[in-house]
Amino acid sequence: MKSSSLFQRLSCATMLAAATLLSGCASSSYVDTATREVPVANYKKLAQPKLVKLNFEFQTKGVPNSRATDFLKAQVNEQLLASGMFTPASADSNADLLNVTLNNVPVDGQNPAMKGFVTGLTFGLAGTTVTDGYICTINYLPTGSNSAVSGTARHAIHTTIGNSSAPQNAEKSENMEAAVRKMTRDVVSTALQDLSNAPGFN
């Protein structure tokens, strides 16, 4: 499946594609700058990497999204291992568990469908901006323990449709795929930093 059709399933912003096409409106994607990629050097150092079984899942409103998971899994796993915090274990080994979820969630007070409908009716004269929220949660569960240590972070992607100015505090991306990949790097790195500083992790 091409990435363009995949990302129509990723975010609520891209659900407005039909209205955009009908009206001839242009759309642009922006990654929020409140959350930025954290360098590996900023993580709290471990005496040695933890041997873990990696599990990543992308969710849409808390529901597993297998296509998005498959698309981003290699990128996320590569980033987790590049952190220096973990070493991958075989699936059948008795190792610690590292579960990572990236959940695409609605933004409070926003009705993307109605905003896109209004833009379509006015043929782009009335622009709109739709925001997708993302929550990354990393849970580390040591072998034999029932209590996980967690790190979390939040991020957002803004999509302008029609005659709408660029959102403040956001960086324009080449397209939606580039925006999602950058958002993922940013939010995973921030959650990793949070995990590295969590009590009970080191």
N, C-alpha and C. Protein backbone atom coordinates (compact mmCIF):
# COMPACT_ATOMS: atom_id res chain seq x y z
N MET A 1 0.84 -1.20 0.00
CA MET A 1 0.00 0.00 0.00
C MET A 1 0.87 1.24 0.00
N LYS A 2 0.51 2.25 -0.83
CA LYS A 2 1.29 3.47 -0.88
C LYS A 2 1.11 4.26 0.41
N SER A 3 2.16 5.03 0.75
CA SER A 3 2.11 5.78 2.00
C SER A 3 1.00 6.81 2.00
N SER A 4 0.68 7.41 0.83
CA SER A 4 -0.37 8.42 0.79
C SER A 4 -1.70 7.86 1.22
N SER A 5 -2.05 6.64 0.76
CA SER A 5 -3.31 6.04 1.16
C SER A 5 -3.26 5.57 2.60
N LEU A 6 -2.09 5.18 3.08
CA LEU A 6 -1.95 4.77 4.47
C LEU A 6 -2.27 5.92 5.41
N PHE A 7 -1.71 7.09 5.14
CA PHE A 7 -1.88 8.18 6.07
C PHE A 7 -3.26 8.81 6.02
N GLN A 8 -4.07 8.41 5.04
CA GLN A 8 -5.47 8.80 5.09
C GLN A 8 -6.17 8.07 6.23
N ARG A 9 -5.56 7.02 6.75
CA ARG A 9 -6.12 6.26 7.86
C ARG A 9 -5.51 6.65 9.19
N LEU A 10 -4.49 7.49 9.17
CA LEU A 10 -3.76 7.78 10.39
C LEU A 10 -4.41 8.86 11.24
N SER A 11 -4.87 9.94 10.62
CA SER A 11 -5.24 11.10 11.42
C SER A 11 -6.60 11.63 11.06
N CYS A 12 -7.21 12.32 12.01
CA CYS A 12 -8.52 12.90 11.74
C CYS A 12 -8.42 14.01 10.72
N ALA A 13 -7.26 14.66 10.61
CA ALA A 13 -7.09 15.75 9.65
C ALA A 13 -7.28 15.25 8.23
N THR A 14 -6.75 14.10 7.91
CA THR A 14 -6.84 13.60 6.55
C THR A 14 -8.22 13.08 6.20
N MET A 15 -9.11 12.99 7.18
CA MET A 15 -10.50 12.62 6.89
C MET A 15 -11.19 13.73 6.11
N LEU A 16 -10.55 14.90 6.05
CA LEU A 16 -11.14 16.03 5.34
C LEU A 16 -10.74 16.05 3.88
N ALA A 17 -10.08 15.00 3.41
CA ALA A 17 -9.56 14.99 2.04
C ALA A 17 -10.68 15.17 1.01
N ALA A 18 -11.84 14.55 1.25
CA ALA A 18 -12.93 14.64 0.28
C ALA A 18 -13.40 16.08 0.10
N ALA A 19 -13.60 16.77 1.21
CA ALA A 19 -14.03 18.16 1.12
C ALA A 19 -12.97 19.02 0.44
N THR A 20 -11.71 18.71 0.71
CA THR A 20 -10.62 19.46 0.11
C THR A 20 -10.60 19.28 -1.41
N LEU A 21 -10.77 18.02 -1.86
CA LEU A 21 -10.75 17.74 -3.29
C LEU A 21 -11.93 18.39 -4.00
N LEU A 22 -13.09 18.33 -3.39
CA LEU A 22 -14.29 18.88 -4.01
C LEU A 22 -14.19 20.39 -4.17
N SER A 23 -13.56 21.05 -3.21
CA SER A 23 -13.50 22.50 -3.24
C SER A 23 -12.25 23.02 -3.94
N GLY A 24 -11.29 22.14 -4.21
CA GLY A 24 -10.04 22.59 -4.82
C GLY A 24 -9.12 23.27 -3.84
N CYS A 25 -9.36 23.10 -2.55
CA CYS A 25 -8.54 23.75 -1.53
C CYS A 25 -7.19 23.06 -1.39
N ALA A 26 -6.19 23.83 -1.11
CA ALA A 26 -4.88 23.27 -0.83
C ALA A 26 -4.77 22.99 0.66
N SER A 27 -3.96 21.99 1.02
CA SER A 27 -3.73 21.70 2.43
C SER A 27 -2.24 21.61 2.70
N SER A 28 -1.85 21.96 3.93
CA SER A 28 -0.45 21.90 4.34
C SER A 28 -0.38 21.32 5.74
N SER A 29 0.72 20.61 6.02
CA SER A 29 0.90 19.97 7.33
C SER A 29 2.02 20.64 8.11
N TYR A 30 1.80 20.83 9.40
CA TYR A 30 2.77 21.49 10.28
C TYR A 30 2.93 20.66 11.55
N VAL A 31 4.19 20.48 11.97
CA VAL A 31 4.46 19.77 13.22
C VAL A 31 4.63 20.80 14.33
N ASP A 32 3.89 20.61 15.41
CA ASP A 32 3.97 21.53 16.54
C ASP A 32 5.39 21.55 17.10
N THR A 33 5.85 22.72 17.53
CA THR A 33 7.22 22.84 18.04
C THR A 33 7.30 22.83 19.56
N ALA A 34 6.17 22.62 20.24
CA ALA A 34 6.22 22.54 21.70
C ALA A 34 6.97 21.31 22.16
N THR A 35 6.93 20.25 21.34
CA THR A 35 7.70 19.03 21.62
C THR A 35 8.73 18.88 20.51
N ARG A 36 9.99 18.74 20.91
CA ARG A 36 11.07 18.61 19.93
C ARG A 36 11.88 17.35 20.21
N GLU A 37 12.62 16.90 19.21
CA GLU A 37 13.43 15.70 19.36
C GLU A 37 14.51 15.92 20.43
N VAL A 38 14.60 14.99 21.35
CA VAL A 38 15.58 15.07 22.45
C VAL A 38 16.82 14.27 22.06
N PRO A 39 18.00 14.89 22.08
CA PRO A 39 19.22 14.14 21.75
C PRO A 39 19.46 12.99 22.72
N VAL A 40 20.04 11.91 22.22
CA VAL A 40 20.34 10.75 23.06
C VAL A 40 21.23 11.15 24.23
N ALA A 41 22.10 12.11 24.02
CA ALA A 41 23.02 12.55 25.08
C ALA A 41 22.28 13.12 26.29
N ASN A 42 21.02 13.50 26.10
CA ASN A 42 20.24 14.08 27.21
C ASN A 42 19.55 13.04 28.07
N TYR A 43 19.57 11.77 27.65
CA TYR A 43 18.96 10.72 28.46
C TYR A 43 19.86 10.41 29.65
N LYS A 44 19.23 10.02 30.75
CA LYS A 44 20.00 9.58 31.91
C LYS A 44 20.66 8.25 31.58
N LYS A 45 21.96 8.16 31.79
CA LYS A 45 22.72 7.00 31.37
C LYS A 45 22.48 5.78 32.26
N LEU A 46 22.49 4.60 31.62
CA LEU A 46 22.38 3.34 32.33
C LEU A 46 23.75 2.69 32.45
N ALA A 47 23.93 1.87 33.47
CA ALA A 47 25.19 1.14 33.61
C ALA A 47 25.36 0.20 32.42
N GLN A 48 24.27 -0.40 31.96
CA GLN A 48 24.27 -1.23 30.76
C GLN A 48 22.86 -1.29 30.19
N PRO A 49 22.74 -1.48 28.87
CA PRO A 49 21.41 -1.54 28.26
C PRO A 49 20.58 -2.69 28.82
N LYS A 50 19.28 -2.48 28.87
CA LYS A 50 18.37 -3.51 29.38
C LYS A 50 17.95 -4.44 28.24
N LEU A 51 17.99 -5.74 28.51
CA LEU A 51 17.57 -6.73 27.53
C LEU A 51 16.05 -6.80 27.52
N VAL A 52 15.44 -6.46 26.38
CA VAL A 52 13.98 -6.36 26.35
C VAL A 52 13.40 -6.98 25.08
N LYS A 53 12.13 -7.37 25.20
CA LYS A 53 11.34 -7.73 24.02
C LYS A 53 10.52 -6.49 23.64
N LEU A 54 10.74 -6.00 22.42
CA LEU A 54 10.12 -4.75 21.96
C LEU A 54 8.74 -5.00 21.39
N ASN A 55 7.80 -4.12 21.73
CA ASN A 55 6.46 -4.20 21.17
C ASN A 55 5.95 -2.79 20.92
N PHE A 56 5.69 -2.46 19.65
CA PHE A 56 5.17 -1.14 19.28
C PHE A 56 3.79 -1.28 18.67
N GLU A 57 2.89 -0.35 19.03
CA GLU A 57 1.55 -0.34 18.46
C GLU A 57 1.08 1.09 18.25
N PHE A 58 0.61 1.39 17.04
CA PHE A 58 -0.04 2.66 16.77
C PHE A 58 -1.53 2.48 16.98
N GLN A 59 -2.14 3.47 17.62
CA GLN A 59 -3.57 3.41 17.89
C GLN A 59 -4.27 4.66 17.36
N THR A 60 -5.52 4.51 17.00
CA THR A 60 -6.37 5.63 16.63
C THR A 60 -7.53 5.68 17.61
N LYS A 61 -7.52 6.67 18.47
CA LYS A 61 -8.52 6.79 19.54
C LYS A 61 -8.53 5.53 20.41
N GLY A 62 -7.35 4.98 20.68
CA GLY A 62 -7.22 3.83 21.55
C GLY A 62 -7.45 2.49 20.88
N VAL A 63 -7.79 2.50 19.59
CA VAL A 63 -8.04 1.25 18.85
C VAL A 63 -6.81 0.93 18.00
N PRO A 64 -6.30 -0.31 18.06
CA PRO A 64 -5.11 -0.66 17.27
C PRO A 64 -5.29 -0.37 15.79
N ASN A 65 -4.27 0.24 15.18
CA ASN A 65 -4.26 0.56 13.76
C ASN A 65 -3.09 -0.20 13.15
N SER A 66 -3.36 -1.38 12.62
CA SER A 66 -2.30 -2.30 12.19
C SER A 66 -1.48 -1.75 11.03
N ARG A 67 -2.12 -1.06 10.09
CA ARG A 67 -1.38 -0.54 8.94
C ARG A 67 -0.41 0.56 9.36
N ALA A 68 -0.85 1.44 10.23
CA ALA A 68 0.05 2.48 10.71
C ALA A 68 1.16 1.89 11.57
N THR A 69 0.82 0.85 12.34
CA THR A 69 1.82 0.17 13.16
C THR A 69 2.91 -0.42 12.27
N ASP A 70 2.51 -1.10 11.21
CA ASP A 70 3.48 -1.72 10.30
C ASP A 70 4.36 -0.67 9.63
N PHE A 71 3.77 0.47 9.30
CA PHE A 71 4.53 1.51 8.61
C PHE A 71 5.59 2.14 9.51
N LEU A 72 5.28 2.35 10.79
CA LEU A 72 6.18 3.07 11.70
C LEU A 72 7.03 2.16 12.58
N LYS A 73 6.74 0.87 12.59
CA LYS A 73 7.40 -0.04 13.54
C LYS A 73 8.91 -0.03 13.40
N ALA A 74 9.42 -0.15 12.17
CA ALA A 74 10.88 -0.20 11.97
C ALA A 74 11.54 1.09 12.44
N GLN A 75 10.91 2.23 12.16
CA GLN A 75 11.47 3.51 12.59
C GLN A 75 11.53 3.61 14.11
N VAL A 76 10.44 3.21 14.77
CA VAL A 76 10.39 3.31 16.23
C VAL A 76 11.39 2.35 16.87
N ASN A 77 11.43 1.10 16.41
CA ASN A 77 12.38 0.13 16.97
C ASN A 77 13.82 0.58 16.80
N GLU A 78 14.12 1.14 15.64
CA GLU A 78 15.48 1.64 15.39
C GLU A 78 15.82 2.76 16.37
N GLN A 79 14.86 3.64 16.62
CA GLN A 79 15.08 4.74 17.55
C GLN A 79 15.25 4.24 18.98
N LEU A 80 14.48 3.23 19.37
CA LEU A 80 14.60 2.68 20.72
C LEU A 80 15.98 2.08 20.95
N LEU A 81 16.49 1.34 19.96
CA LEU A 81 17.80 0.70 20.10
C LEU A 81 18.93 1.73 20.02
N ALA A 82 18.73 2.77 19.20
CA ALA A 82 19.76 3.82 19.08
C ALA A 82 19.89 4.65 20.35
N SER A 83 18.90 4.55 21.24
CA SER A 83 18.95 5.30 22.50
C SER A 83 20.06 4.81 23.42
N GLY A 84 20.52 3.57 23.20
CA GLY A 84 21.52 2.98 24.08
C GLY A 84 20.95 2.44 25.37
N MET A 85 19.62 2.49 25.51
CA MET A 85 18.97 2.05 26.73
C MET A 85 18.56 0.58 26.69
N PHE A 86 18.49 0.00 25.47
CA PHE A 86 17.93 -1.34 25.33
C PHE A 86 18.73 -2.19 24.34
N THR A 87 18.66 -3.50 24.58
CA THR A 87 19.18 -4.50 23.66
C THR A 87 18.04 -5.45 23.35
N PRO A 88 17.82 -5.79 22.06
CA PRO A 88 16.67 -6.64 21.72
C PRO A 88 16.88 -8.09 22.13
N ALA A 89 15.83 -8.71 22.63
CA ALA A 89 15.85 -10.12 23.01
C ALA A 89 14.98 -10.89 22.03
N SER A 90 15.21 -12.17 21.91
CA SER A 90 14.38 -12.99 21.04
C SER A 90 12.98 -13.11 21.63
N ALA A 91 12.01 -13.37 20.76
CA ALA A 91 10.61 -13.40 21.18
C ALA A 91 10.32 -14.48 22.21
N ASP A 92 11.08 -15.58 22.18
CA ASP A 92 10.82 -16.69 23.10
C ASP A 92 11.70 -16.66 24.35
N SER A 93 12.45 -15.58 24.53
CA SER A 93 13.33 -15.49 25.70
C SER A 93 12.58 -14.95 26.91
N ASN A 94 13.13 -15.17 28.08
CA ASN A 94 12.54 -14.68 29.33
C ASN A 94 13.17 -13.33 29.67
N ALA A 95 12.80 -12.31 28.89
CA ALA A 95 13.41 -10.99 29.04
C ALA A 95 12.37 -9.98 29.51
N ASP A 96 12.84 -8.80 29.87
CA ASP A 96 11.94 -7.71 30.25
C ASP A 96 11.09 -7.31 29.03
N LEU A 97 9.98 -6.63 29.30
CA LEU A 97 9.10 -6.19 28.22
C LEU A 97 9.16 -4.67 28.07
N LEU A 98 9.17 -4.21 26.81
CA LEU A 98 9.11 -2.78 26.53
C LEU A 98 7.96 -2.56 25.55
N ASN A 99 6.87 -2.00 26.06
CA ASN A 99 5.68 -1.77 25.25
C ASN A 99 5.55 -0.28 24.94
N VAL A 100 5.49 0.04 23.65
CA VAL A 100 5.39 1.43 23.21
C VAL A 100 4.09 1.61 22.43
N THR A 101 3.27 2.59 22.84
CA THR A 101 2.05 2.91 22.10
C THR A 101 2.10 4.37 21.66
N LEU A 102 1.62 4.61 20.46
CA LEU A 102 1.47 5.97 19.94
C LEU A 102 0.02 6.12 19.55
N ASN A 103 -0.73 6.91 20.32
CA ASN A 103 -2.17 7.00 20.18
C ASN A 103 -2.57 8.34 19.57
N ASN A 104 -3.24 8.28 18.40
CA ASN A 104 -3.77 9.47 17.74
C ASN A 104 -5.12 9.80 18.36
N VAL A 105 -5.21 10.94 19.05
CA VAL A 105 -6.40 11.27 19.82
C VAL A 105 -6.99 12.60 19.36
N PRO A 106 -8.31 12.78 19.53
CA PRO A 106 -8.94 14.06 19.19
C PRO A 106 -8.45 15.17 20.11
N VAL A 107 -8.53 16.38 19.62
CA VAL A 107 -8.19 17.54 20.44
C VAL A 107 -9.47 18.10 21.02
N ASP A 108 -9.48 18.37 22.31
CA ASP A 108 -10.69 18.84 23.00
C ASP A 108 -11.29 20.07 22.32
N GLY A 109 -12.61 20.04 22.16
CA GLY A 109 -13.31 21.21 21.63
C GLY A 109 -13.24 21.37 20.13
N GLN A 110 -12.73 20.37 19.42
CA GLN A 110 -12.56 20.50 17.97
C GLN A 110 -13.47 19.52 17.25
N ASN A 111 -14.13 20.00 16.22
CA ASN A 111 -14.97 19.16 15.37
C ASN A 111 -14.42 19.20 13.95
N PRO A 112 -13.46 18.33 13.61
CA PRO A 112 -12.81 18.39 12.31
C PRO A 112 -13.77 18.25 11.13
N ALA A 113 -14.76 17.37 11.25
CA ALA A 113 -15.67 17.14 10.13
C ALA A 113 -16.44 18.41 9.78
N MET A 114 -16.97 19.12 10.78
CA MET A 114 -17.73 20.33 10.54
C MET A 114 -16.86 21.43 9.98
N LYS A 115 -15.63 21.56 10.52
CA LYS A 115 -14.73 22.61 10.03
C LYS A 115 -14.37 22.37 8.57
N GLY A 116 -14.12 21.11 8.21
CA GLY A 116 -13.80 20.80 6.83
C GLY A 116 -14.99 21.01 5.91
N PHE A 117 -16.20 20.73 6.40
CA PHE A 117 -17.41 20.91 5.61
C PHE A 117 -17.63 22.38 5.29
N VAL A 118 -17.41 23.24 6.26
CA VAL A 118 -17.57 24.68 6.05
C VAL A 118 -16.56 25.16 5.02
N THR A 119 -15.31 24.71 5.13
CA THR A 119 -14.29 25.11 4.17
C THR A 119 -14.68 24.68 2.76
N GLY A 120 -15.21 23.47 2.62
CA GLY A 120 -15.61 22.97 1.32
C GLY A 120 -16.73 23.78 0.70
N LEU A 121 -17.72 24.15 1.51
CA LEU A 121 -18.85 24.92 1.01
C LEU A 121 -18.43 26.29 0.49
N THR A 122 -17.40 26.86 1.10
CA THR A 122 -16.96 28.21 0.71
C THR A 122 -15.84 28.17 -0.31
N PHE A 123 -15.54 26.97 -0.84
CA PHE A 123 -14.52 26.81 -1.88
C PHE A 123 -13.18 27.40 -1.46
N GLY A 124 -12.84 27.22 -0.20
CA GLY A 124 -11.53 27.63 0.28
C GLY A 124 -11.44 29.07 0.73
N LEU A 125 -12.50 29.85 0.54
CA LEU A 125 -12.45 31.25 0.96
C LEU A 125 -12.35 31.35 2.48
N ALA A 126 -13.01 30.44 3.18
CA ALA A 126 -12.92 30.38 4.64
C ALA A 126 -12.01 29.20 4.99
N GLY A 127 -10.78 29.49 5.32
CA GLY A 127 -9.82 28.43 5.65
C GLY A 127 -10.04 27.90 7.04
N THR A 128 -9.40 26.79 7.33
CA THR A 128 -9.51 26.20 8.66
C THR A 128 -8.23 25.46 9.00
N THR A 129 -8.01 25.26 10.27
CA THR A 129 -6.86 24.49 10.75
C THR A 129 -7.37 23.38 11.67
N VAL A 130 -6.95 22.16 11.38
CA VAL A 130 -7.33 21.00 12.17
C VAL A 130 -6.09 20.46 12.86
N THR A 131 -6.22 20.08 14.14
CA THR A 131 -5.09 19.59 14.91
C THR A 131 -5.32 18.14 15.34
N ASP A 132 -4.32 17.31 15.08
CA ASP A 132 -4.31 15.93 15.56
C ASP A 132 -3.41 15.84 16.79
N GLY A 133 -3.91 15.26 17.86
CA GLY A 133 -3.10 15.04 19.05
C GLY A 133 -2.51 13.65 19.06
N TYR A 134 -1.35 13.50 19.68
CA TYR A 134 -0.67 12.21 19.78
C TYR A 134 -0.12 12.04 21.19
N ILE A 135 -0.30 10.86 21.76
CA ILE A 135 0.24 10.54 23.07
C ILE A 135 1.12 9.31 22.93
N CYS A 136 2.38 9.43 23.32
CA CYS A 136 3.30 8.29 23.30
C CYS A 136 3.51 7.81 24.74
N THR A 137 3.31 6.53 24.95
CA THR A 137 3.52 5.92 26.27
C THR A 137 4.49 4.76 26.12
N ILE A 138 5.55 4.78 26.92
CA ILE A 138 6.53 3.70 26.93
C ILE A 138 6.49 3.03 28.30
N ASN A 139 6.12 1.75 28.33
CA ASN A 139 6.05 0.99 29.58
C ASN A 139 7.16 -0.06 29.61
N TYR A 140 7.98 0.02 30.65
CA TYR A 140 9.05 -0.98 30.83
C TYR A 140 8.66 -1.87 32.00
N LEU A 141 8.54 -3.18 31.71
CA LEU A 141 8.12 -4.14 32.74
C LEU A 141 9.23 -5.16 32.96
N PRO A 142 9.93 -5.07 34.10
CA PRO A 142 11.00 -6.03 34.39
C PRO A 142 10.45 -7.44 34.56
N THR A 143 11.25 -8.42 34.25
CA THR A 143 10.86 -9.82 34.40
C THR A 143 10.48 -10.12 35.85
N GLY A 144 9.35 -10.78 36.05
CA GLY A 144 8.91 -11.15 37.38
C GLY A 144 8.24 -10.05 38.16
N SER A 145 8.06 -8.88 37.54
CA SER A 145 7.42 -7.76 38.23
C SER A 145 6.03 -7.51 37.67
N ASN A 146 5.14 -7.02 38.52
CA ASN A 146 3.79 -6.65 38.08
C ASN A 146 3.64 -5.14 37.97
N SER A 147 4.71 -4.42 38.20
CA SER A 147 4.66 -2.96 38.19
C SER A 147 5.58 -2.41 37.11
N ALA A 148 4.99 -1.72 36.14
CA ALA A 148 5.76 -1.16 35.04
C ALA A 148 6.25 0.24 35.37
N VAL A 149 7.38 0.61 34.77
CA VAL A 149 7.91 1.97 34.86
C VAL A 149 7.58 2.65 33.53
N SER A 150 7.05 3.87 33.59
CA SER A 150 6.53 4.49 32.37
C SER A 150 7.16 5.84 32.07
N GLY A 151 7.18 6.15 30.78
CA GLY A 151 7.55 7.48 30.29
C GLY A 151 6.50 7.89 29.28
N THR A 152 6.09 9.17 29.30
CA THR A 152 5.05 9.64 28.39
C THR A 152 5.42 10.97 27.77
N ALA A 153 4.80 11.27 26.65
CA ALA A 153 4.98 12.55 25.99
C ALA A 153 3.79 12.80 25.06
N ARG A 154 3.56 14.07 24.76
CA ARG A 154 2.46 14.46 23.88
C ARG A 154 3.00 15.29 22.71
N HIS A 155 2.27 15.24 21.60
CA HIS A 155 2.68 16.00 20.42
C HIS A 155 1.44 16.36 19.61
N ALA A 156 1.64 17.09 18.51
CA ALA A 156 0.50 17.47 17.67
C ALA A 156 0.96 17.78 16.25
N ILE A 157 0.06 17.53 15.31
CA ILE A 157 0.25 17.92 13.91
C ILE A 157 -0.94 18.81 13.54
N HIS A 158 -0.64 19.95 12.92
CA HIS A 158 -1.68 20.88 12.47
C HIS A 158 -1.79 20.80 10.95
N THR A 159 -3.01 20.75 10.44
CA THR A 159 -3.24 20.74 9.00
C THR A 159 -4.11 21.93 8.62
N THR A 160 -3.59 22.78 7.76
CA THR A 160 -4.37 23.92 7.28
C THR A 160 -5.04 23.54 5.96
N ILE A 161 -6.27 23.97 5.80
CA ILE A 161 -7.05 23.67 4.61
C ILE A 161 -7.66 24.96 4.09
N GLY A 162 -7.51 25.19 2.79
CA GLY A 162 -8.08 26.38 2.19
C GLY A 162 -7.28 27.63 2.54
N ASN A 163 -7.97 28.74 2.62
CA ASN A 163 -7.34 30.04 2.84
C ASN A 163 -7.11 30.26 4.33
N SER A 164 -6.14 29.51 4.87
CA SER A 164 -5.83 29.59 6.30
C SER A 164 -4.35 29.88 6.48
N SER A 165 -4.03 30.77 7.41
CA SER A 165 -2.63 31.13 7.65
C SER A 165 -1.93 30.01 8.42
N ALA A 166 -0.61 30.01 8.34
CA ALA A 166 0.18 28.99 9.04
C ALA A 166 -0.02 29.12 10.55
N PRO A 167 -0.16 28.01 11.25
CA PRO A 167 -0.33 28.08 12.71
C PRO A 167 0.95 28.56 13.38
N GLN A 168 0.79 29.24 14.51
CA GLN A 168 1.95 29.69 15.27
C GLN A 168 2.61 28.49 15.95
N ASN A 169 3.91 28.64 16.23
CA ASN A 169 4.67 27.61 16.94
C ASN A 169 4.55 26.25 16.26
N ALA A 170 4.75 26.23 14.95
CA ALA A 170 4.68 24.99 14.19
C ALA A 170 5.63 25.07 12.99
N GLU A 171 6.16 23.93 12.61
CA GLU A 171 7.12 23.85 11.51
C GLU A 171 6.48 23.12 10.32
N LYS A 172 6.52 23.75 9.14
CA LYS A 172 5.88 23.17 7.97
C LYS A 172 6.64 21.94 7.49
N SER A 173 5.89 20.90 7.10
CA SER A 173 6.46 19.68 6.57
C SER A 173 6.19 19.58 5.08
N GLU A 174 6.98 18.76 4.41
CA GLU A 174 6.81 18.58 2.96
C GLU A 174 5.46 17.97 2.64
N ASN A 175 5.02 17.04 3.47
CA ASN A 175 3.73 16.38 3.27
C ASN A 175 3.33 15.72 4.58
N MET A 176 2.17 15.04 4.58
CA MET A 176 1.68 14.43 5.81
C MET A 176 2.59 13.30 6.29
N GLU A 177 3.13 12.52 5.36
CA GLU A 177 4.01 11.43 5.77
C GLU A 177 5.23 11.97 6.50
N ALA A 178 5.85 13.02 5.95
CA ALA A 178 7.02 13.62 6.59
C ALA A 178 6.66 14.18 7.96
N ALA A 179 5.46 14.75 8.07
CA ALA A 179 5.02 15.30 9.35
C ALA A 179 4.85 14.20 10.39
N VAL A 180 4.24 13.08 9.99
CA VAL A 180 4.02 11.97 10.93
C VAL A 180 5.35 11.36 11.36
N ARG A 181 6.28 11.21 10.42
CA ARG A 181 7.59 10.64 10.78
C ARG A 181 8.34 11.55 11.75
N LYS A 182 8.31 12.86 11.50
CA LYS A 182 9.00 13.78 12.41
C LYS A 182 8.33 13.81 13.77
N MET A 183 6.99 13.87 13.77
CA MET A 183 6.26 13.85 15.04
C MET A 183 6.63 12.61 15.85
N THR A 184 6.73 11.46 15.16
CA THR A 184 7.05 10.21 15.84
C THR A 184 8.44 10.27 16.47
N ARG A 185 9.43 10.75 15.72
CA ARG A 185 10.79 10.88 16.28
C ARG A 185 10.79 11.79 17.50
N ASP A 186 10.10 12.91 17.38
CA ASP A 186 10.06 13.88 18.48
C ASP A 186 9.45 13.29 19.73
N VAL A 187 8.26 12.70 19.57
CA VAL A 187 7.50 12.27 20.75
C VAL A 187 8.12 11.03 21.39
N VAL A 188 8.68 10.11 20.58
CA VAL A 188 9.33 8.93 21.14
C VAL A 188 10.58 9.33 21.91
N SER A 189 11.36 10.26 21.37
CA SER A 189 12.57 10.70 22.06
C SER A 189 12.24 11.38 23.39
N THR A 190 11.17 12.15 23.41
CA THR A 190 10.77 12.84 24.64
C THR A 190 10.27 11.84 25.68
N ALA A 191 9.52 10.84 25.25
CA ALA A 191 9.05 9.80 26.17
C ALA A 191 10.22 8.97 26.69
N LEU A 192 11.22 8.72 25.86
CA LEU A 192 12.42 7.99 26.30
C LEU A 192 13.17 8.77 27.37
N GLN A 193 13.28 10.08 27.19
CA GLN A 193 13.94 10.89 28.20
C GLN A 193 13.17 10.83 29.52
N ASP A 194 11.85 10.89 29.42
CA ASP A 194 11.01 10.80 30.62
C ASP A 194 11.20 9.46 31.32
N LEU A 195 11.26 8.38 30.53
CA LEU A 195 11.47 7.05 31.10
C LEU A 195 12.83 6.94 31.76
N SER A 196 13.86 7.49 31.13
CA SER A 196 15.23 7.39 31.66
C SER A 196 15.36 8.06 33.03
N ASN A 197 14.50 9.05 33.30
CA ASN A 197 14.54 9.76 34.57
C ASN A 197 13.50 9.26 35.58
N ALA A 198 12.70 8.26 35.17
CA ALA A 198 11.64 7.77 36.06
C ALA A 198 12.21 6.98 37.22
N PRO A 199 11.69 7.19 38.44
CA PRO A 199 12.12 6.40 39.60
C PRO A 199 11.89 4.91 39.35
N GLY A 200 12.87 4.10 39.65
CA GLY A 200 12.73 2.67 39.49
C GLY A 200 13.23 2.14 38.17
N PHE A 201 13.59 3.03 37.23
CA PHE A 201 14.07 2.55 35.94
C PHE A 201 15.56 2.23 36.00
N ASN A 202 16.33 3.11 36.60
CA ASN A 202 17.79 2.89 36.69
C ASN A 202 18.11 2.02 37.91
